[in-house]
Amino acid sequence: MVIHLGGGVYGTAPFCLAPRFAGPHRRAYARDDGPPTRPPELTMTAPTSTRIFILFDRDHERDRANLYTRFGHPLKRLDRGRRIAFEYYAPGEVFSYVRWQSNDYGTERWEVFICQAPRPGEKHRPVPWAKPGVIVLLHAAGVAQVRRFWAMLDQIAKQEIDAADVSPEFYRLAHVAISSGLNPPAYTKAKHAAHLLRRKSPCVFGKAG
């Protein structure tokens, strides 16, 4: 999976990014086929990796935006100048993606995702910043939800657990809590140990996350 981060303006539809790049940034995005005009349907392919788009506004331009990964272990990263980069994730890898945009009056849009790169044959959702698409485990938008998201990551970090190794099922449960205006449950070392055991022995405990 490749993540492309760059300046732009977000659309109002879910998972839609309406870019407003200038110069080479517009051309670079155009080569990536641009964003869909409506929320895409789930699709099934056999990806060897997922590509993510990363963008940093280093020059404090108007309508500035930052798109970046908060955690994850990419197979590789390709930098395209000072502002744009791509990250590639192996099937099954879990990572987070942050979309932040501001204007002259402050933060205009702030949302975070926790995603999983799809394995061959798994259903996934196409999004404009990832090819071929991702499995969305958690989505938080707005200041209140995003603050609960950061608090959850802080709690996981205090347990000395890599957020990229956390159970996908936990992130799905946390999504329900955060979207309902609640704090997600604590992720403990005991829960993590059970997840790692299940992942190592999928034939005994069922399909691993």
N, C-alpha and C. Protein backbone atom coordinates (compact mmCIF):
# COMPACT_ATOMS: atom_id res chain seq x y z
N MET A 1 0.86 -1.18 0.00
CA MET A 1 0.00 0.00 0.00
C MET A 1 0.89 1.22 0.00
N VAL A 2 0.54 2.23 -0.80
CA VAL A 2 1.33 3.44 -0.87
C VAL A 2 0.54 4.59 -0.32
N ILE A 3 1.13 5.37 0.50
CA ILE A 3 0.46 6.55 1.05
C ILE A 3 1.11 7.80 0.47
N HIS A 4 0.29 8.69 -0.07
CA HIS A 4 0.79 9.91 -0.70
C HIS A 4 0.33 11.09 0.13
N LEU A 5 1.25 11.85 0.63
CA LEU A 5 0.92 13.02 1.43
C LEU A 5 1.22 14.27 0.64
N GLY A 6 0.31 15.22 0.58
CA GLY A 6 0.56 16.45 -0.16
C GLY A 6 -0.46 17.50 0.20
N GLY A 7 -0.30 18.71 -0.25
CA GLY A 7 -1.25 19.78 0.04
C GLY A 7 -2.50 19.63 -0.77
N GLY A 8 -3.60 20.06 -0.25
CA GLY A 8 -4.84 19.97 -1.01
C GLY A 8 -6.03 20.32 -0.17
N VAL A 9 -7.20 20.20 -0.76
CA VAL A 9 -8.45 20.50 -0.08
C VAL A 9 -9.31 19.26 -0.10
N TYR A 10 -9.90 18.94 1.03
CA TYR A 10 -10.70 17.74 1.13
C TYR A 10 -12.10 17.95 0.58
N GLY A 11 -12.66 16.90 0.00
CA GLY A 11 -14.05 16.93 -0.41
C GLY A 11 -14.95 16.66 0.77
N THR A 12 -16.24 16.78 0.55
CA THR A 12 -17.18 16.60 1.65
C THR A 12 -17.66 15.17 1.75
N ALA A 13 -17.50 14.36 0.70
CA ALA A 13 -17.96 12.98 0.74
C ALA A 13 -16.98 12.14 1.53
N PRO A 14 -17.44 11.07 2.21
CA PRO A 14 -16.54 10.20 2.96
C PRO A 14 -15.45 9.64 2.06
N PHE A 15 -14.23 9.63 2.59
CA PHE A 15 -13.06 9.08 1.91
C PHE A 15 -12.79 9.80 0.59
N CYS A 16 -13.24 11.04 0.43
CA CYS A 16 -13.03 11.75 -0.83
C CYS A 16 -12.09 12.92 -0.60
N LEU A 17 -11.07 13.05 -1.43
CA LEU A 17 -10.13 14.16 -1.35
C LEU A 17 -10.15 14.91 -2.66
N ALA A 18 -10.59 16.15 -2.64
CA ALA A 18 -10.62 16.96 -3.85
C ALA A 18 -9.38 17.83 -3.87
N PRO A 19 -8.35 17.47 -4.64
CA PRO A 19 -7.08 18.17 -4.56
C PRO A 19 -7.11 19.51 -5.27
N ARG A 20 -6.26 20.43 -4.82
CA ARG A 20 -6.11 21.70 -5.48
C ARG A 20 -4.62 22.00 -5.51
N PHE A 21 -3.87 21.14 -6.18
CA PHE A 21 -2.43 21.26 -6.22
C PHE A 21 -2.01 22.27 -7.27
N ALA A 22 -0.83 22.80 -7.11
CA ALA A 22 -0.28 23.72 -8.09
C ALA A 22 0.99 23.12 -8.66
N GLY A 23 1.27 23.43 -9.90
CA GLY A 23 2.53 23.03 -10.52
C GLY A 23 2.71 21.53 -10.56
N PRO A 24 3.92 21.05 -10.20
CA PRO A 24 4.23 19.62 -10.33
C PRO A 24 3.40 18.75 -9.42
N HIS A 25 2.87 19.31 -8.29
CA HIS A 25 2.05 18.51 -7.39
C HIS A 25 0.76 18.09 -8.06
N ARG A 26 0.15 19.01 -8.85
CA ARG A 26 -1.08 18.66 -9.56
C ARG A 26 -0.79 17.56 -10.58
N ARG A 27 0.31 17.66 -11.29
CA ARG A 27 0.65 16.66 -12.29
C ARG A 27 0.95 15.32 -11.64
N ALA A 28 1.63 15.35 -10.48
CA ALA A 28 1.94 14.10 -9.79
C ALA A 28 0.67 13.39 -9.36
N TYR A 29 -0.31 14.17 -8.87
CA TYR A 29 -1.55 13.55 -8.43
C TYR A 29 -2.34 13.03 -9.63
N ALA A 30 -2.29 13.78 -10.76
CA ALA A 30 -3.02 13.35 -11.94
C ALA A 30 -2.51 12.01 -12.44
N ARG A 31 -1.22 11.78 -12.32
CA ARG A 31 -0.68 10.49 -12.75
C ARG A 31 -1.18 9.36 -11.85
N ASP A 32 -1.67 9.73 -10.66
CA ASP A 32 -2.19 8.73 -9.73
C ASP A 32 -3.70 8.53 -9.92
N ASP A 33 -4.23 9.03 -11.04
CA ASP A 33 -5.62 8.83 -11.47
C ASP A 33 -6.63 9.68 -10.73
N GLY A 34 -6.21 10.46 -9.74
CA GLY A 34 -7.13 11.37 -9.07
C GLY A 34 -8.11 10.64 -8.15
N PRO A 35 -8.90 11.41 -7.40
CA PRO A 35 -9.83 10.83 -6.44
C PRO A 35 -11.14 10.44 -7.10
N PRO A 36 -11.89 9.50 -6.51
CA PRO A 36 -13.21 9.17 -7.04
C PRO A 36 -14.19 10.28 -6.74
N THR A 37 -15.27 10.35 -7.47
CA THR A 37 -16.26 11.40 -7.28
C THR A 37 -17.36 10.98 -6.32
N ARG A 38 -17.41 9.73 -5.93
CA ARG A 38 -18.43 9.27 -5.00
C ARG A 38 -17.84 8.16 -4.14
N PRO A 39 -18.44 7.87 -2.96
CA PRO A 39 -17.90 6.81 -2.12
C PRO A 39 -17.83 5.49 -2.88
N PRO A 40 -16.64 4.85 -2.95
CA PRO A 40 -16.48 3.64 -3.76
C PRO A 40 -17.06 2.41 -3.10
N GLU A 41 -17.30 1.41 -3.91
CA GLU A 41 -17.78 0.14 -3.41
C GLU A 41 -16.61 -0.73 -2.99
N LEU A 42 -16.91 -1.73 -2.18
CA LEU A 42 -15.88 -2.69 -1.80
C LEU A 42 -15.46 -3.49 -3.02
N THR A 43 -14.16 -3.75 -3.12
CA THR A 43 -13.64 -4.52 -4.24
C THR A 43 -12.73 -5.62 -3.71
N MET A 44 -12.41 -6.56 -4.59
CA MET A 44 -11.53 -7.66 -4.22
C MET A 44 -10.45 -7.78 -5.28
N THR A 45 -9.19 -7.77 -4.85
CA THR A 45 -8.06 -7.98 -5.74
C THR A 45 -7.03 -8.81 -5.00
N ALA A 46 -5.86 -9.00 -5.61
CA ALA A 46 -4.78 -9.75 -4.97
C ALA A 46 -3.55 -8.87 -4.91
N PRO A 47 -3.53 -7.84 -4.02
CA PRO A 47 -2.42 -6.91 -3.99
C PRO A 47 -1.17 -7.55 -3.38
N THR A 48 0.00 -7.13 -3.87
CA THR A 48 1.25 -7.54 -3.26
C THR A 48 1.70 -6.53 -2.23
N SER A 49 1.21 -5.30 -2.32
CA SER A 49 1.47 -4.27 -1.33
C SER A 49 0.45 -3.16 -1.51
N THR A 50 0.32 -2.32 -0.49
CA THR A 50 -0.61 -1.19 -0.54
C THR A 50 0.21 0.10 -0.54
N ARG A 51 -0.11 1.00 -1.46
CA ARG A 51 0.64 2.25 -1.60
C ARG A 51 -0.14 3.39 -0.98
N ILE A 52 0.53 4.17 -0.13
CA ILE A 52 -0.10 5.27 0.59
C ILE A 52 0.53 6.61 0.18
N PHE A 53 -0.32 7.62 0.04
CA PHE A 53 0.10 8.96 -0.38
C PHE A 53 0.32 9.85 0.84
N ILE A 54 1.50 10.50 0.92
CA ILE A 54 1.86 11.37 2.04
C ILE A 54 2.10 12.79 1.52
N LEU A 55 1.63 13.79 2.27
CA LEU A 55 1.81 15.18 1.86
C LEU A 55 2.10 16.05 3.07
N PHE A 56 3.11 16.92 2.95
CA PHE A 56 3.44 17.85 4.03
C PHE A 56 3.46 19.26 3.48
N ASP A 57 2.82 20.18 4.19
CA ASP A 57 2.89 21.59 3.84
C ASP A 57 4.01 22.21 4.64
N ARG A 58 5.16 22.38 4.02
CA ARG A 58 6.32 22.93 4.71
C ARG A 58 6.44 24.45 4.52
N ASP A 59 5.64 25.01 3.63
CA ASP A 59 5.78 26.42 3.29
C ASP A 59 4.64 27.28 3.83
N HIS A 60 3.75 26.68 4.63
CA HIS A 60 2.65 27.40 5.26
C HIS A 60 1.80 28.15 4.23
N GLU A 61 1.42 27.43 3.19
CA GLU A 61 0.57 28.01 2.16
C GLU A 61 -0.88 28.08 2.65
N ARG A 62 -1.66 28.91 1.98
CA ARG A 62 -3.09 29.00 2.31
C ARG A 62 -3.77 27.68 1.92
N ASP A 63 -4.82 27.32 2.64
CA ASP A 63 -5.49 26.04 2.44
C ASP A 63 -4.49 24.90 2.58
N ARG A 64 -3.65 24.97 3.58
CA ARG A 64 -2.59 23.99 3.77
C ARG A 64 -3.14 22.68 4.34
N ALA A 65 -2.45 21.61 4.02
CA ALA A 65 -2.90 20.29 4.46
C ALA A 65 -1.69 19.41 4.71
N ASN A 66 -1.82 18.53 5.68
CA ASN A 66 -0.81 17.51 5.95
C ASN A 66 -1.50 16.16 5.95
N LEU A 67 -0.95 15.21 5.22
CA LEU A 67 -1.44 13.83 5.17
C LEU A 67 -0.26 12.94 5.51
N TYR A 68 -0.38 12.16 6.57
CA TYR A 68 0.78 11.39 7.01
C TYR A 68 0.35 10.17 7.81
N THR A 69 1.28 9.24 8.00
CA THR A 69 1.03 8.07 8.81
C THR A 69 1.53 8.32 10.23
N ARG A 70 0.72 7.92 11.21
CA ARG A 70 1.10 8.09 12.62
C ARG A 70 1.91 6.91 13.13
N PHE A 71 1.57 5.70 12.70
CA PHE A 71 2.36 4.52 13.04
C PHE A 71 2.21 3.51 11.92
N GLY A 72 3.07 2.51 11.93
CA GLY A 72 3.07 1.48 10.90
C GLY A 72 4.49 1.14 10.49
N HIS A 73 4.64 0.00 9.82
CA HIS A 73 5.95 -0.48 9.40
C HIS A 73 5.93 -0.74 7.89
N PRO A 74 6.19 0.31 7.10
CA PRO A 74 6.16 0.13 5.64
C PRO A 74 7.31 -0.72 5.13
N LEU A 75 7.04 -1.39 4.01
CA LEU A 75 8.11 -2.14 3.35
C LEU A 75 9.18 -1.19 2.83
N LYS A 76 8.74 -0.05 2.32
CA LYS A 76 9.67 0.96 1.84
C LYS A 76 8.96 2.30 1.77
N ARG A 77 9.76 3.34 1.63
CA ARG A 77 9.24 4.70 1.49
C ARG A 77 9.98 5.38 0.35
N LEU A 78 9.23 6.04 -0.53
CA LEU A 78 9.80 6.76 -1.66
C LEU A 78 9.46 8.24 -1.51
N ASP A 79 10.47 9.08 -1.38
CA ASP A 79 10.26 10.52 -1.28
C ASP A 79 10.27 11.13 -2.67
N ARG A 80 9.31 12.01 -2.92
CA ARG A 80 9.21 12.71 -4.19
C ARG A 80 9.30 14.21 -3.92
N GLY A 81 10.49 14.68 -3.69
CA GLY A 81 10.68 16.08 -3.36
C GLY A 81 10.50 16.35 -1.87
N ARG A 82 10.28 17.64 -1.55
CA ARG A 82 10.19 18.05 -0.15
C ARG A 82 8.83 17.77 0.47
N ARG A 83 7.80 17.63 -0.33
CA ARG A 83 6.44 17.58 0.22
C ARG A 83 5.73 16.25 0.02
N ILE A 84 6.09 15.49 -0.96
CA ILE A 84 5.31 14.31 -1.34
C ILE A 84 6.13 13.04 -1.13
N ALA A 85 5.49 12.00 -0.66
CA ALA A 85 6.14 10.71 -0.46
C ALA A 85 5.12 9.60 -0.65
N PHE A 86 5.61 8.38 -0.83
CA PHE A 86 4.78 7.19 -0.92
C PHE A 86 5.33 6.14 0.04
N GLU A 87 4.44 5.46 0.74
CA GLU A 87 4.82 4.34 1.60
C GLU A 87 4.10 3.09 1.12
N TYR A 88 4.79 1.95 1.22
CA TYR A 88 4.24 0.67 0.76
C TYR A 88 4.13 -0.29 1.95
N TYR A 89 2.96 -0.89 2.09
CA TYR A 89 2.70 -1.79 3.22
C TYR A 89 2.36 -3.19 2.72
N ALA A 90 2.92 -4.18 3.41
CA ALA A 90 2.66 -5.57 3.07
C ALA A 90 1.24 -5.95 3.45
N PRO A 91 0.64 -6.92 2.77
CA PRO A 91 -0.72 -7.37 3.12
C PRO A 91 -0.81 -7.76 4.60
N GLY A 92 -1.86 -7.30 5.26
CA GLY A 92 -2.07 -7.60 6.66
C GLY A 92 -1.49 -6.59 7.62
N GLU A 93 -0.61 -5.69 7.15
CA GLU A 93 0.00 -4.70 8.03
C GLU A 93 -1.04 -3.65 8.45
N VAL A 94 -0.94 -3.22 9.71
CA VAL A 94 -1.84 -2.22 10.27
C VAL A 94 -1.08 -0.90 10.41
N PHE A 95 -1.72 0.20 10.04
CA PHE A 95 -1.08 1.51 10.14
C PHE A 95 -2.17 2.56 10.34
N SER A 96 -1.75 3.75 10.74
CA SER A 96 -2.70 4.85 10.90
C SER A 96 -2.42 5.92 9.86
N TYR A 97 -3.47 6.67 9.51
CA TYR A 97 -3.36 7.72 8.51
C TYR A 97 -4.09 8.95 9.02
N VAL A 98 -3.41 10.08 8.99
CA VAL A 98 -3.96 11.34 9.52
C VAL A 98 -4.16 12.31 8.37
N ARG A 99 -5.34 12.92 8.33
CA ARG A 99 -5.65 13.96 7.34
C ARG A 99 -6.01 15.24 8.10
N TRP A 100 -5.16 16.24 7.96
CA TRP A 100 -5.35 17.51 8.66
C TRP A 100 -5.30 18.66 7.66
N GLN A 101 -6.23 19.59 7.78
CA GLN A 101 -6.27 20.74 6.89
C GLN A 101 -6.66 21.97 7.68
N SER A 102 -6.06 23.10 7.33
CA SER A 102 -6.37 24.35 8.02
C SER A 102 -6.55 25.46 7.00
N ASN A 103 -7.13 26.56 7.47
CA ASN A 103 -7.25 27.77 6.66
C ASN A 103 -6.74 28.95 7.49
N ASP A 104 -7.07 30.15 7.10
CA ASP A 104 -6.58 31.33 7.81
C ASP A 104 -7.13 31.45 9.22
N TYR A 105 -8.17 30.69 9.54
CA TYR A 105 -8.81 30.81 10.85
C TYR A 105 -8.50 29.63 11.78
N GLY A 106 -7.69 28.70 11.32
CA GLY A 106 -7.33 27.55 12.16
C GLY A 106 -7.67 26.23 11.49
N THR A 107 -7.80 25.19 12.30
CA THR A 107 -8.09 23.86 11.77
C THR A 107 -9.46 23.81 11.11
N GLU A 108 -9.48 23.32 9.89
CA GLU A 108 -10.74 23.20 9.14
C GLU A 108 -11.22 21.77 9.07
N ARG A 109 -10.29 20.82 8.98
CA ARG A 109 -10.66 19.40 8.90
C ARG A 109 -9.58 18.58 9.60
N TRP A 110 -10.02 17.61 10.38
CA TRP A 110 -9.08 16.78 11.13
C TRP A 110 -9.72 15.40 11.28
N GLU A 111 -9.11 14.41 10.69
CA GLU A 111 -9.62 13.05 10.82
C GLU A 111 -8.47 12.06 10.78
N VAL A 112 -8.69 10.92 11.41
CA VAL A 112 -7.67 9.88 11.49
C VAL A 112 -8.30 8.53 11.14
N PHE A 113 -7.49 7.68 10.58
CA PHE A 113 -7.90 6.32 10.22
C PHE A 113 -6.90 5.33 10.81
N ILE A 114 -7.38 4.18 11.20
CA ILE A 114 -6.51 3.02 11.40
C ILE A 114 -6.94 2.01 10.35
N CYS A 115 -5.99 1.59 9.53
CA CYS A 115 -6.28 0.76 8.37
C CYS A 115 -5.42 -0.50 8.38
N GLN A 116 -5.87 -1.46 7.61
CA GLN A 116 -5.10 -2.69 7.39
C GLN A 116 -4.95 -2.88 5.88
N ALA A 117 -3.72 -3.17 5.46
CA ALA A 117 -3.50 -3.45 4.05
C ALA A 117 -4.15 -4.78 3.71
N PRO A 118 -4.96 -4.84 2.66
CA PRO A 118 -5.71 -6.08 2.36
C PRO A 118 -4.81 -7.20 1.90
N ARG A 119 -5.19 -8.40 2.30
CA ARG A 119 -4.52 -9.62 1.82
C ARG A 119 -5.17 -10.04 0.51
N PRO A 120 -4.51 -10.89 -0.27
CA PRO A 120 -5.11 -11.36 -1.51
C PRO A 120 -6.49 -11.97 -1.28
N GLY A 121 -7.48 -11.50 -2.03
CA GLY A 121 -8.83 -12.03 -1.92
C GLY A 121 -9.70 -11.34 -0.89
N GLU A 122 -9.14 -10.46 -0.05
CA GLU A 122 -9.94 -9.77 0.96
C GLU A 122 -10.67 -8.57 0.36
N LYS A 123 -11.88 -8.34 0.85
CA LYS A 123 -12.62 -7.16 0.43
C LYS A 123 -11.99 -5.93 1.07
N HIS A 124 -11.89 -4.87 0.28
CA HIS A 124 -11.33 -3.63 0.78
C HIS A 124 -12.00 -2.46 0.09
N ARG A 125 -11.81 -1.28 0.66
CA ARG A 125 -12.47 -0.09 0.14
C ARG A 125 -11.45 0.82 -0.54
N PRO A 126 -11.66 1.15 -1.81
CA PRO A 126 -10.77 2.11 -2.48
C PRO A 126 -10.91 3.49 -1.84
N VAL A 127 -9.80 4.15 -1.62
CA VAL A 127 -9.78 5.52 -1.12
C VAL A 127 -8.77 6.30 -1.96
N PRO A 128 -8.91 7.61 -2.07
CA PRO A 128 -8.05 8.36 -2.98
C PRO A 128 -6.59 8.40 -2.58
N TRP A 129 -6.28 8.11 -1.31
CA TRP A 129 -4.89 8.20 -0.86
C TRP A 129 -4.22 6.85 -0.73
N ALA A 130 -4.85 5.77 -1.18
CA ALA A 130 -4.25 4.44 -1.09
C ALA A 130 -4.64 3.61 -2.29
N LYS A 131 -3.70 2.84 -2.82
CA LYS A 131 -3.97 1.92 -3.91
C LYS A 131 -3.42 0.54 -3.54
N PRO A 132 -4.20 -0.52 -3.76
CA PRO A 132 -5.54 -0.53 -4.38
C PRO A 132 -6.65 -0.10 -3.44
N GLY A 133 -6.41 -0.04 -2.14
CA GLY A 133 -7.42 0.33 -1.17
C GLY A 133 -7.02 -0.17 0.20
N VAL A 134 -7.89 0.00 1.19
CA VAL A 134 -7.59 -0.39 2.57
C VAL A 134 -8.81 -1.01 3.22
N ILE A 135 -8.56 -1.71 4.30
CA ILE A 135 -9.62 -2.15 5.21
C ILE A 135 -9.63 -1.15 6.36
N VAL A 136 -10.69 -0.37 6.50
CA VAL A 136 -10.76 0.65 7.53
C VAL A 136 -11.22 -0.01 8.83
N LEU A 137 -10.34 0.00 9.84
CA LEU A 137 -10.66 -0.57 11.15
C LEU A 137 -11.26 0.47 12.08
N LEU A 138 -10.78 1.71 11.96
CA LEU A 138 -11.24 2.78 12.85
C LEU A 138 -11.19 4.09 12.08
N HIS A 139 -12.21 4.91 12.27
CA HIS A 139 -12.24 6.25 11.66
C HIS A 139 -12.78 7.22 12.69
N ALA A 140 -12.03 8.30 12.92
CA ALA A 140 -12.46 9.35 13.84
C ALA A 140 -12.33 10.69 13.13
N ALA A 141 -13.34 11.56 13.28
CA ALA A 141 -13.34 12.86 12.63
C ALA A 141 -13.83 13.91 13.61
N GLY A 142 -13.22 15.08 13.57
CA GLY A 142 -13.60 16.14 14.48
C GLY A 142 -12.74 16.13 15.73
N VAL A 143 -12.70 17.27 16.40
CA VAL A 143 -11.80 17.44 17.54
C VAL A 143 -12.09 16.43 18.65
N ALA A 144 -13.36 16.26 19.03
CA ALA A 144 -13.70 15.39 20.16
C ALA A 144 -13.30 13.94 19.87
N GLN A 145 -13.64 13.43 18.68
CA GLN A 145 -13.30 12.05 18.36
C GLN A 145 -11.79 11.86 18.22
N VAL A 146 -11.12 12.81 17.60
CA VAL A 146 -9.67 12.67 17.41
C VAL A 146 -8.94 12.72 18.74
N ARG A 147 -9.41 13.53 19.67
CA ARG A 147 -8.78 13.55 21.00
C ARG A 147 -8.92 12.21 21.70
N ARG A 148 -10.06 11.55 21.55
CA ARG A 148 -10.22 10.21 22.12
C ARG A 148 -9.27 9.23 21.43
N PHE A 149 -9.07 9.42 20.13
CA PHE A 149 -8.13 8.58 19.39
C PHE A 149 -6.72 8.73 19.93
N TRP A 150 -6.24 9.99 20.12
CA TRP A 150 -4.89 10.19 20.64
C TRP A 150 -4.76 9.64 22.05
N ALA A 151 -5.80 9.80 22.87
CA ALA A 151 -5.76 9.26 24.23
C ALA A 151 -5.64 7.74 24.20
N MET A 152 -6.32 7.09 23.27
CA MET A 152 -6.22 5.64 23.12
C MET A 152 -4.80 5.23 22.77
N LEU A 153 -4.17 5.95 21.82
CA LEU A 153 -2.79 5.62 21.44
C LEU A 153 -1.83 5.85 22.60
N ASP A 154 -2.06 6.90 23.40
CA ASP A 154 -1.22 7.14 24.57
C ASP A 154 -1.33 6.00 25.56
N GLN A 155 -2.55 5.50 25.76
CA GLN A 155 -2.75 4.39 26.69
C GLN A 155 -2.04 3.13 26.21
N ILE A 156 -2.08 2.89 24.91
CA ILE A 156 -1.39 1.72 24.34
C ILE A 156 0.12 1.89 24.49
N ALA A 157 0.63 3.10 24.24
CA ALA A 157 2.07 3.34 24.35
C ALA A 157 2.56 3.15 25.78
N LYS A 158 1.74 3.52 26.77
CA LYS A 158 2.14 3.33 28.16
C LYS A 158 2.30 1.86 28.52
N GLN A 159 1.64 0.98 27.76
CA GLN A 159 1.79 -0.46 27.98
C GLN A 159 3.02 -1.02 27.26
N GLU A 160 3.75 -0.11 26.58
CA GLU A 160 4.94 -0.49 25.80
C GLU A 160 4.56 -1.50 24.71
N ILE A 161 3.43 -1.23 24.06
CA ILE A 161 2.93 -2.07 22.97
C ILE A 161 2.98 -1.25 21.69
N ASP A 162 3.48 -1.87 20.64
CA ASP A 162 3.51 -1.23 19.32
C ASP A 162 2.08 -1.15 18.79
N ALA A 163 1.61 0.07 18.48
CA ALA A 163 0.24 0.23 18.01
C ALA A 163 -0.03 -0.54 16.72
N ALA A 164 1.02 -0.78 15.92
CA ALA A 164 0.85 -1.52 14.67
C ALA A 164 0.61 -3.01 14.92
N ASP A 165 0.89 -3.49 16.13
CA ASP A 165 0.71 -4.91 16.46
C ASP A 165 -0.57 -5.17 17.24
N VAL A 166 -1.33 -4.13 17.53
CA VAL A 166 -2.57 -4.28 18.30
C VAL A 166 -3.59 -5.08 17.48
N SER A 167 -4.44 -5.81 18.18
CA SER A 167 -5.47 -6.62 17.52
C SER A 167 -6.39 -5.75 16.66
N PRO A 168 -6.60 -6.12 15.39
CA PRO A 168 -7.56 -5.38 14.57
C PRO A 168 -8.97 -5.37 15.16
N GLU A 169 -9.33 -6.47 15.85
CA GLU A 169 -10.66 -6.53 16.47
C GLU A 169 -10.81 -5.45 17.54
N PHE A 170 -9.72 -5.15 18.27
CA PHE A 170 -9.78 -4.09 19.27
C PHE A 170 -10.04 -2.75 18.61
N TYR A 171 -9.37 -2.48 17.49
CA TYR A 171 -9.58 -1.21 16.80
C TYR A 171 -11.00 -1.08 16.29
N ARG A 172 -11.60 -2.19 15.84
CA ARG A 172 -13.00 -2.13 15.40
C ARG A 172 -13.92 -1.79 16.57
N LEU A 173 -13.64 -2.38 17.74
CA LEU A 173 -14.42 -2.09 18.93
C LEU A 173 -14.23 -0.63 19.35
N ALA A 174 -12.99 -0.14 19.27
CA ALA A 174 -12.71 1.25 19.62
C ALA A 174 -13.43 2.20 18.68
N HIS A 175 -13.56 1.82 17.41
CA HIS A 175 -14.28 2.66 16.45
C HIS A 175 -15.73 2.84 16.88
N VAL A 176 -16.37 1.77 17.32
CA VAL A 176 -17.77 1.85 17.75
C VAL A 176 -17.89 2.78 18.95
N ALA A 177 -16.94 2.65 19.90
CA ALA A 177 -16.99 3.50 21.10
C ALA A 177 -16.77 4.97 20.75
N ILE A 178 -15.74 5.26 19.97
CA ILE A 178 -15.42 6.65 19.64
C ILE A 178 -16.54 7.30 18.82
N SER A 179 -17.08 6.56 17.85
CA SER A 179 -18.16 7.12 17.03
C SER A 179 -19.44 7.33 17.84
N SER A 180 -19.54 6.67 19.00
CA SER A 180 -20.70 6.83 19.87
C SER A 180 -20.46 7.88 20.95
N GLY A 181 -19.31 8.55 20.92
CA GLY A 181 -19.01 9.58 21.90
C GLY A 181 -18.48 9.04 23.20
N LEU A 182 -17.96 7.81 23.18
CA LEU A 182 -17.44 7.16 24.39
C LEU A 182 -15.94 6.95 24.27
N ASN A 183 -15.29 6.78 25.41
CA ASN A 183 -13.88 6.43 25.40
C ASN A 183 -13.73 4.94 25.12
N PRO A 184 -12.78 4.54 24.29
CA PRO A 184 -12.61 3.11 24.01
C PRO A 184 -12.09 2.38 25.24
N PRO A 185 -12.32 1.08 25.33
CA PRO A 185 -11.82 0.31 26.47
C PRO A 185 -10.30 0.27 26.47
N ALA A 186 -9.73 0.01 27.62
CA ALA A 186 -8.26 -0.06 27.73
C ALA A 186 -7.75 -1.32 27.04
N TYR A 187 -6.62 -1.17 26.39
CA TYR A 187 -5.96 -2.31 25.76
C TYR A 187 -4.82 -2.73 26.68
N THR A 188 -4.91 -3.92 27.25
CA THR A 188 -3.97 -4.38 28.26
C THR A 188 -2.95 -5.35 27.68
N LYS A 189 -1.91 -5.60 28.45
CA LYS A 189 -0.90 -6.56 28.03
C LYS A 189 -1.48 -7.97 27.94
N ALA A 190 -2.46 -8.28 28.79
CA ALA A 190 -3.10 -9.59 28.73
C ALA A 190 -3.87 -9.75 27.42
N LYS A 191 -4.61 -8.71 27.01
CA LYS A 191 -5.32 -8.77 25.74
C LYS A 191 -4.34 -8.90 24.58
N HIS A 192 -3.22 -8.19 24.68
CA HIS A 192 -2.25 -8.23 23.59
C HIS A 192 -1.59 -9.61 23.50
N ALA A 193 -1.30 -10.20 24.65
CA ALA A 193 -0.70 -11.54 24.64
C ALA A 193 -1.65 -12.56 24.02
N ALA A 194 -2.93 -12.44 24.33
CA ALA A 194 -3.92 -13.35 23.74
C ALA A 194 -4.00 -13.15 22.23
N HIS A 195 -3.92 -11.89 21.78
CA HIS A 195 -3.94 -11.62 20.34
C HIS A 195 -2.71 -12.23 19.65
N LEU A 196 -1.54 -12.08 20.23
CA LEU A 196 -0.32 -12.62 19.62
C LEU A 196 -0.38 -14.15 19.56
N LEU A 197 -0.92 -14.77 20.61
CA LEU A 197 -1.04 -16.23 20.61
C LEU A 197 -2.00 -16.68 19.52
N ARG A 198 -3.11 -15.96 19.37
CA ARG A 198 -4.08 -16.30 18.32
C ARG A 198 -3.47 -16.11 16.93
N ARG A 199 -2.65 -15.09 16.78
CA ARG A 199 -2.04 -14.83 15.48
C ARG A 199 -1.01 -15.90 15.12
N LYS A 200 -0.34 -16.42 16.13
CA LYS A 200 0.67 -17.46 15.87
C LYS A 200 0.04 -18.82 15.62
N SER A 201 -1.19 -19.04 16.12
CA SER A 201 -1.84 -20.35 15.99
C SER A 201 -3.23 -20.18 15.39
N PRO A 202 -3.34 -19.68 14.15
CA PRO A 202 -4.67 -19.43 13.56
C PRO A 202 -5.47 -20.71 13.36
N CYS A 203 -4.80 -21.87 13.17
CA CYS A 203 -5.53 -23.11 12.97
C CYS A 203 -6.25 -23.57 14.23
N VAL A 204 -5.78 -23.10 15.40
CA VAL A 204 -6.39 -23.48 16.67
C VAL A 204 -7.46 -22.48 17.09
N PHE A 205 -7.14 -21.17 16.90
CA PHE A 205 -8.02 -20.14 17.38
C PHE A 205 -8.87 -19.49 16.30
N GLY A 206 -8.74 -19.95 15.07
CA GLY A 206 -9.47 -19.33 13.99
C GLY A 206 -8.61 -18.37 13.22
N LYS A 207 -9.19 -17.67 12.28
CA LYS A 207 -8.45 -16.75 11.42
C LYS A 207 -7.84 -15.64 12.24
N ALA A 208 -6.54 -15.41 12.00
CA ALA A 208 -5.84 -14.37 12.74
C ALA A 208 -6.13 -13.01 12.14
N GLY A 209 -6.11 -11.97 13.01
CA GLY A 209 -6.34 -10.62 12.51
C GLY A 209 -5.10 -10.02 11.90
